[in-house]
N, C-alpha and C. Protein backbone atom coordinates (compact mmCIF):
# COMPACT_ATOMS: atom_id res chain seq x y z
N MET A 1 0.84 -1.16 0.00
CA MET A 1 0.00 0.00 0.00
C MET A 1 0.90 1.24 0.00
N GLY A 2 0.70 2.15 -0.96
CA GLY A 2 1.51 3.36 -1.06
C GLY A 2 0.98 4.48 -0.19
N LEU A 3 1.82 5.48 -0.04
CA LEU A 3 1.41 6.65 0.73
C LEU A 3 0.50 7.53 -0.11
N ALA A 4 -0.50 8.09 0.50
CA ALA A 4 -1.42 9.00 -0.20
C ALA A 4 -0.71 10.31 -0.48
N SER A 5 -0.99 10.89 -1.61
CA SER A 5 -0.44 12.20 -1.95
C SER A 5 -1.13 13.27 -1.11
N PRO A 6 -0.37 14.30 -0.69
CA PRO A 6 -1.02 15.37 0.08
C PRO A 6 -1.99 16.15 -0.81
N PRO A 7 -3.02 16.73 -0.22
CA PRO A 7 -3.96 17.52 -1.02
C PRO A 7 -3.26 18.74 -1.61
N ILE A 8 -3.76 19.20 -2.73
CA ILE A 8 -3.19 20.36 -3.41
C ILE A 8 -4.29 21.41 -3.53
N TYR A 9 -3.94 22.66 -3.21
CA TYR A 9 -4.89 23.77 -3.25
C TYR A 9 -4.43 24.78 -4.29
N ALA A 10 -5.32 25.17 -5.18
CA ALA A 10 -5.03 26.23 -6.15
C ALA A 10 -5.30 27.56 -5.44
N VAL A 11 -4.26 28.39 -5.35
CA VAL A 11 -4.38 29.66 -4.64
C VAL A 11 -3.77 30.80 -5.46
N THR A 12 -4.20 31.99 -5.13
CA THR A 12 -3.59 33.20 -5.68
C THR A 12 -2.47 33.59 -4.73
N VAL A 13 -1.25 33.74 -5.26
CA VAL A 13 -0.10 34.06 -4.42
C VAL A 13 0.37 35.48 -4.72
N THR A 14 0.45 36.27 -3.66
CA THR A 14 0.98 37.63 -3.75
C THR A 14 2.16 37.72 -2.79
N ALA A 15 2.73 38.90 -2.65
CA ALA A 15 3.86 39.09 -1.74
C ALA A 15 3.64 40.36 -0.92
N TYR A 16 4.25 40.39 0.26
CA TYR A 16 4.17 41.58 1.10
C TYR A 16 5.52 41.83 1.75
N SER A 17 5.70 43.03 2.28
CA SER A 17 6.91 43.38 3.01
C SER A 17 6.50 44.02 4.33
N SER A 18 7.47 44.33 5.16
CA SER A 18 7.18 44.93 6.47
C SER A 18 6.97 46.43 6.32
N HIS A 19 5.93 46.78 5.63
CA HIS A 19 5.59 48.17 5.36
C HIS A 19 4.19 48.39 5.90
N GLU A 20 4.00 49.44 6.71
CA GLU A 20 2.69 49.64 7.36
C GLU A 20 1.55 49.73 6.36
N GLY A 21 1.81 50.14 5.14
CA GLY A 21 0.76 50.20 4.14
C GLY A 21 0.30 48.82 3.69
N GLN A 22 1.13 47.79 3.94
CA GLN A 22 0.80 46.43 3.54
C GLN A 22 0.43 45.55 4.74
N CYS A 23 0.66 46.07 5.93
CA CYS A 23 0.44 45.29 7.16
C CYS A 23 -0.36 46.13 8.15
N ASP A 24 -0.42 45.65 9.39
CA ASP A 24 -1.05 46.44 10.43
C ASP A 24 0.00 47.33 11.09
N SER A 25 -0.26 47.80 12.30
CA SER A 25 0.65 48.72 12.98
C SER A 25 1.89 48.04 13.56
N THR A 26 1.98 46.71 13.44
CA THR A 26 3.18 45.97 13.88
C THR A 26 3.74 45.21 12.68
N PRO A 27 4.32 45.92 11.73
CA PRO A 27 4.70 45.28 10.46
C PRO A 27 5.82 44.25 10.55
N HIS A 28 6.53 44.18 11.67
CA HIS A 28 7.62 43.21 11.78
C HIS A 28 7.22 41.96 12.56
N LEU A 29 5.96 41.91 13.01
CA LEU A 29 5.45 40.75 13.73
C LEU A 29 4.36 40.07 12.93
N THR A 30 4.38 38.74 12.94
CA THR A 30 3.34 37.98 12.25
C THR A 30 2.12 37.84 13.16
N ALA A 31 1.03 37.38 12.60
CA ALA A 31 -0.19 37.15 13.38
C ALA A 31 0.01 36.08 14.45
N SER A 32 0.97 35.18 14.24
CA SER A 32 1.22 34.13 15.23
C SER A 32 2.23 34.57 16.29
N GLY A 33 2.75 35.81 16.17
CA GLY A 33 3.64 36.35 17.19
C GLY A 33 5.12 36.23 16.90
N THR A 34 5.50 35.70 15.75
CA THR A 34 6.92 35.58 15.41
C THR A 34 7.34 36.81 14.59
N ARG A 35 8.65 36.97 14.40
CA ARG A 35 9.15 38.05 13.55
C ARG A 35 9.14 37.60 12.10
N VAL A 36 8.79 38.54 11.21
CA VAL A 36 8.81 38.20 9.79
C VAL A 36 10.24 37.94 9.34
N ARG A 37 10.39 37.07 8.35
CA ARG A 37 11.71 36.71 7.83
C ARG A 37 11.48 35.90 6.56
N GLN A 38 12.55 35.69 5.83
CA GLN A 38 12.48 34.87 4.61
C GLN A 38 11.91 33.51 4.97
N GLY A 39 11.01 33.00 4.15
CA GLY A 39 10.42 31.69 4.37
C GLY A 39 9.10 31.70 5.10
N VAL A 40 8.61 32.90 5.47
CA VAL A 40 7.31 33.02 6.14
C VAL A 40 6.23 33.23 5.09
N ILE A 41 5.08 32.60 5.32
CA ILE A 41 3.94 32.77 4.43
C ILE A 41 2.70 33.10 5.26
N ALA A 42 1.89 33.98 4.71
CA ALA A 42 0.59 34.30 5.29
C ALA A 42 -0.47 33.60 4.45
N LEU A 43 -1.48 33.07 5.11
CA LEU A 43 -2.58 32.43 4.38
C LEU A 43 -3.88 33.16 4.68
N SER A 44 -4.80 33.08 3.75
CA SER A 44 -6.12 33.65 3.99
C SER A 44 -6.80 32.86 5.10
N ARG A 45 -7.73 33.50 5.77
CA ARG A 45 -8.35 32.90 6.95
C ARG A 45 -9.13 31.63 6.65
N ASP A 46 -9.62 31.48 5.44
CA ASP A 46 -10.35 30.26 5.09
C ASP A 46 -9.43 29.04 5.06
N LEU A 47 -8.12 29.26 4.99
CA LEU A 47 -7.15 28.17 4.95
C LEU A 47 -6.52 27.88 6.32
N LEU A 48 -6.85 28.68 7.34
CA LEU A 48 -6.23 28.55 8.66
C LEU A 48 -7.20 28.05 9.72
N ARG A 49 -6.82 26.98 10.42
CA ARG A 49 -7.66 26.41 11.48
C ARG A 49 -7.92 27.40 12.62
N HIS A 50 -7.00 28.33 12.82
CA HIS A 50 -7.17 29.34 13.88
C HIS A 50 -8.49 30.09 13.69
N PHE A 51 -8.90 30.29 12.44
CA PHE A 51 -10.13 31.03 12.12
C PHE A 51 -11.25 30.12 11.63
N ASN A 52 -10.89 28.96 11.10
CA ASN A 52 -11.86 28.05 10.48
C ASN A 52 -11.49 26.62 10.87
N PRO A 53 -12.19 26.00 11.81
CA PRO A 53 -11.82 24.66 12.28
C PRO A 53 -11.70 23.61 11.18
N ALA A 54 -12.37 23.80 10.06
CA ALA A 54 -12.31 22.82 8.97
C ALA A 54 -11.17 23.10 7.99
N ALA A 55 -10.40 24.14 8.24
CA ALA A 55 -9.33 24.54 7.32
C ALA A 55 -8.17 23.53 7.34
N PRO A 56 -7.38 23.51 6.28
CA PRO A 56 -6.31 22.50 6.19
C PRO A 56 -5.01 22.83 6.91
N PHE A 57 -4.78 24.10 7.30
CA PHE A 57 -3.47 24.48 7.83
C PHE A 57 -3.57 25.14 9.20
N SER A 58 -2.47 24.99 9.98
CA SER A 58 -2.35 25.61 11.30
C SER A 58 -1.06 26.42 11.34
N TRP A 59 -0.96 27.31 12.36
CA TRP A 59 0.29 28.03 12.56
C TRP A 59 1.44 27.02 12.68
N GLY A 60 2.55 27.32 12.06
CA GLY A 60 3.73 26.46 12.15
C GLY A 60 3.79 25.35 11.12
N ASP A 61 2.71 25.11 10.39
CA ASP A 61 2.75 24.08 9.35
C ASP A 61 3.72 24.49 8.24
N ARG A 62 4.34 23.50 7.67
CA ARG A 62 5.19 23.73 6.50
C ARG A 62 4.35 23.45 5.26
N VAL A 63 4.45 24.36 4.29
CA VAL A 63 3.72 24.20 3.04
C VAL A 63 4.68 24.31 1.87
N HIS A 64 4.34 23.62 0.80
CA HIS A 64 5.13 23.72 -0.43
C HIS A 64 4.35 24.58 -1.41
N VAL A 65 5.02 25.62 -1.93
CA VAL A 65 4.42 26.48 -2.95
C VAL A 65 5.07 26.11 -4.27
N GLU A 66 4.24 25.79 -5.23
CA GLU A 66 4.68 25.38 -6.56
C GLU A 66 5.76 26.33 -7.11
N GLY A 67 6.91 25.75 -7.44
CA GLY A 67 8.00 26.50 -8.05
C GLY A 67 8.82 27.35 -7.11
N LEU A 68 8.44 27.42 -5.83
CA LEU A 68 9.16 28.27 -4.87
C LEU A 68 9.78 27.51 -3.72
N GLY A 69 9.21 26.38 -3.35
CA GLY A 69 9.74 25.60 -2.25
C GLY A 69 8.88 25.68 -1.00
N GLU A 70 9.54 25.44 0.15
CA GLU A 70 8.83 25.35 1.43
C GLU A 70 8.78 26.69 2.15
N PHE A 71 7.66 26.88 2.84
CA PHE A 71 7.44 28.05 3.67
C PHE A 71 6.79 27.59 4.97
N ILE A 72 6.88 28.44 6.01
CA ILE A 72 6.24 28.16 7.29
C ILE A 72 5.06 29.11 7.46
N VAL A 73 3.90 28.55 7.81
CA VAL A 73 2.69 29.35 8.00
C VAL A 73 2.78 30.05 9.35
N GLU A 74 2.95 31.38 9.32
CA GLU A 74 3.05 32.15 10.56
C GLU A 74 2.24 33.44 10.52
N ASP A 75 1.59 33.72 9.42
CA ASP A 75 0.88 34.99 9.30
C ASP A 75 -0.45 34.77 8.59
N THR A 76 -1.31 35.76 8.65
CA THR A 76 -2.60 35.69 7.98
C THR A 76 -2.86 36.96 7.18
N MET A 77 -3.89 36.91 6.41
CA MET A 77 -4.25 38.02 5.53
C MET A 77 -5.56 38.65 6.00
N ASN A 78 -5.89 39.78 5.43
CA ASN A 78 -7.15 40.45 5.72
C ASN A 78 -8.31 39.51 5.45
N ARG A 79 -9.36 39.63 6.23
CA ARG A 79 -10.51 38.71 6.13
C ARG A 79 -11.21 38.74 4.78
N ARG A 80 -10.98 39.76 3.97
CA ARG A 80 -11.66 39.83 2.66
C ARG A 80 -11.10 38.83 1.64
N HIS A 81 -9.92 38.27 1.92
CA HIS A 81 -9.28 37.35 0.97
C HIS A 81 -9.69 35.90 1.21
N GLN A 82 -9.78 35.13 0.12
CA GLN A 82 -10.03 33.69 0.20
C GLN A 82 -9.13 32.97 -0.80
N LEU A 83 -8.71 31.77 -0.41
CA LEU A 83 -7.81 30.96 -1.25
C LEU A 83 -6.62 31.78 -1.72
N ARG A 84 -5.95 32.42 -0.75
CA ARG A 84 -4.81 33.27 -1.05
C ARG A 84 -3.65 32.95 -0.13
N ALA A 85 -2.47 33.20 -0.65
CA ALA A 85 -1.24 33.10 0.12
C ALA A 85 -0.41 34.34 -0.17
N ASP A 86 0.35 34.77 0.81
CA ASP A 86 1.15 35.99 0.70
C ASP A 86 2.54 35.65 1.23
N ILE A 87 3.55 35.71 0.39
CA ILE A 87 4.91 35.41 0.86
C ILE A 87 5.59 36.71 1.30
N TRP A 88 6.41 36.63 2.34
CA TRP A 88 7.10 37.81 2.84
C TRP A 88 8.38 38.01 2.04
N LEU A 89 8.60 39.24 1.60
CA LEU A 89 9.83 39.64 0.92
C LEU A 89 10.43 40.82 1.68
N PRO A 90 11.76 41.00 1.63
CA PRO A 90 12.41 41.99 2.49
C PRO A 90 12.13 43.46 2.17
N ASP A 91 11.64 43.78 0.98
CA ASP A 91 11.38 45.19 0.69
C ASP A 91 10.14 45.35 -0.19
N GLU A 92 9.58 46.54 -0.12
CA GLU A 92 8.33 46.82 -0.82
C GLU A 92 8.47 46.68 -2.33
N ALA A 93 9.60 47.12 -2.89
CA ALA A 93 9.80 47.04 -4.34
C ALA A 93 9.76 45.58 -4.82
N SER A 94 10.39 44.69 -4.06
CA SER A 94 10.37 43.26 -4.43
C SER A 94 8.96 42.69 -4.34
N ALA A 95 8.22 43.09 -3.32
CA ALA A 95 6.85 42.60 -3.15
C ALA A 95 5.97 43.07 -4.30
N ILE A 96 6.12 44.32 -4.70
CA ILE A 96 5.33 44.84 -5.82
C ILE A 96 5.73 44.16 -7.12
N ALA A 97 7.04 43.98 -7.32
CA ALA A 97 7.52 43.33 -8.55
C ALA A 97 7.05 41.88 -8.65
N TRP A 98 6.84 41.23 -7.52
CA TRP A 98 6.36 39.84 -7.50
C TRP A 98 5.04 39.73 -8.25
N GLY A 99 4.15 40.69 -7.98
CA GLY A 99 2.86 40.69 -8.66
C GLY A 99 1.88 39.69 -8.07
N VAL A 100 1.05 39.15 -8.93
CA VAL A 100 0.01 38.19 -8.55
C VAL A 100 0.20 36.95 -9.41
N ARG A 101 0.27 35.79 -8.76
CA ARG A 101 0.48 34.54 -9.50
C ARG A 101 -0.52 33.48 -9.03
N GLU A 102 -0.94 32.66 -9.94
CA GLU A 102 -1.82 31.53 -9.62
C GLU A 102 -0.93 30.29 -9.50
N LEU A 103 -0.81 29.75 -8.29
CA LEU A 103 0.07 28.61 -8.03
C LEU A 103 -0.66 27.59 -7.17
N THR A 104 0.01 26.49 -6.90
CA THR A 104 -0.57 25.49 -6.00
C THR A 104 0.18 25.47 -4.68
N LEU A 105 -0.54 25.07 -3.65
CA LEU A 105 -0.04 25.02 -2.30
C LEU A 105 -0.39 23.64 -1.75
N SER A 106 0.55 23.00 -1.09
CA SER A 106 0.26 21.69 -0.49
C SER A 106 1.01 21.56 0.83
N PRO A 107 0.45 20.78 1.76
CA PRO A 107 1.13 20.57 3.03
C PRO A 107 2.39 19.73 2.83
N VAL A 108 3.40 20.00 3.65
CA VAL A 108 4.60 19.18 3.67
C VAL A 108 4.43 18.22 4.83
N PRO A 109 4.32 16.91 4.55
CA PRO A 109 4.09 15.96 5.64
C PRO A 109 5.26 15.89 6.60
N ASP A 110 4.95 15.65 7.87
CA ASP A 110 5.98 15.44 8.87
C ASP A 110 6.52 14.04 8.71
N ASN A 111 7.69 13.91 8.15
CA ASN A 111 8.40 12.65 8.02
C ASN A 111 7.46 11.45 7.83
N PRO A 112 6.86 11.32 6.66
CA PRO A 112 5.84 10.29 6.44
C PRO A 112 6.32 8.86 6.65
N LEU A 113 7.61 8.62 6.60
CA LEU A 113 8.12 7.26 6.78
C LEU A 113 8.50 6.96 8.23
N GLY A 114 8.39 8.00 9.07
CA GLY A 114 8.71 7.80 10.49
C GLY A 114 10.19 7.63 10.75
N LEU A 115 11.03 8.09 9.86
CA LEU A 115 12.48 7.96 10.03
C LEU A 115 13.06 9.10 10.83
């Protein structure tokens, strides 16, 4: 019996930086209380168990973003967004240049072989 493939979610991926115009009044802190840094991703509230018990992801989960690699879920987005992810970039120009992309997001299993 083989291992089941993790679910894949089609999401709109944008980028943000620690700029008050893109965040709240604490632009260097994530919604989960950690400091922003490379490798952090924010998810829309419909994807986070903290806001939606049936959602697929929790704070601290590792996710794979198509073509970009792994990120850690530590932040969230404004409640108006659905099926969205926002990657943190170090400056506003990079975040704007990133634009809007349609990509897939999937959970990274915790050592599925138990090794």
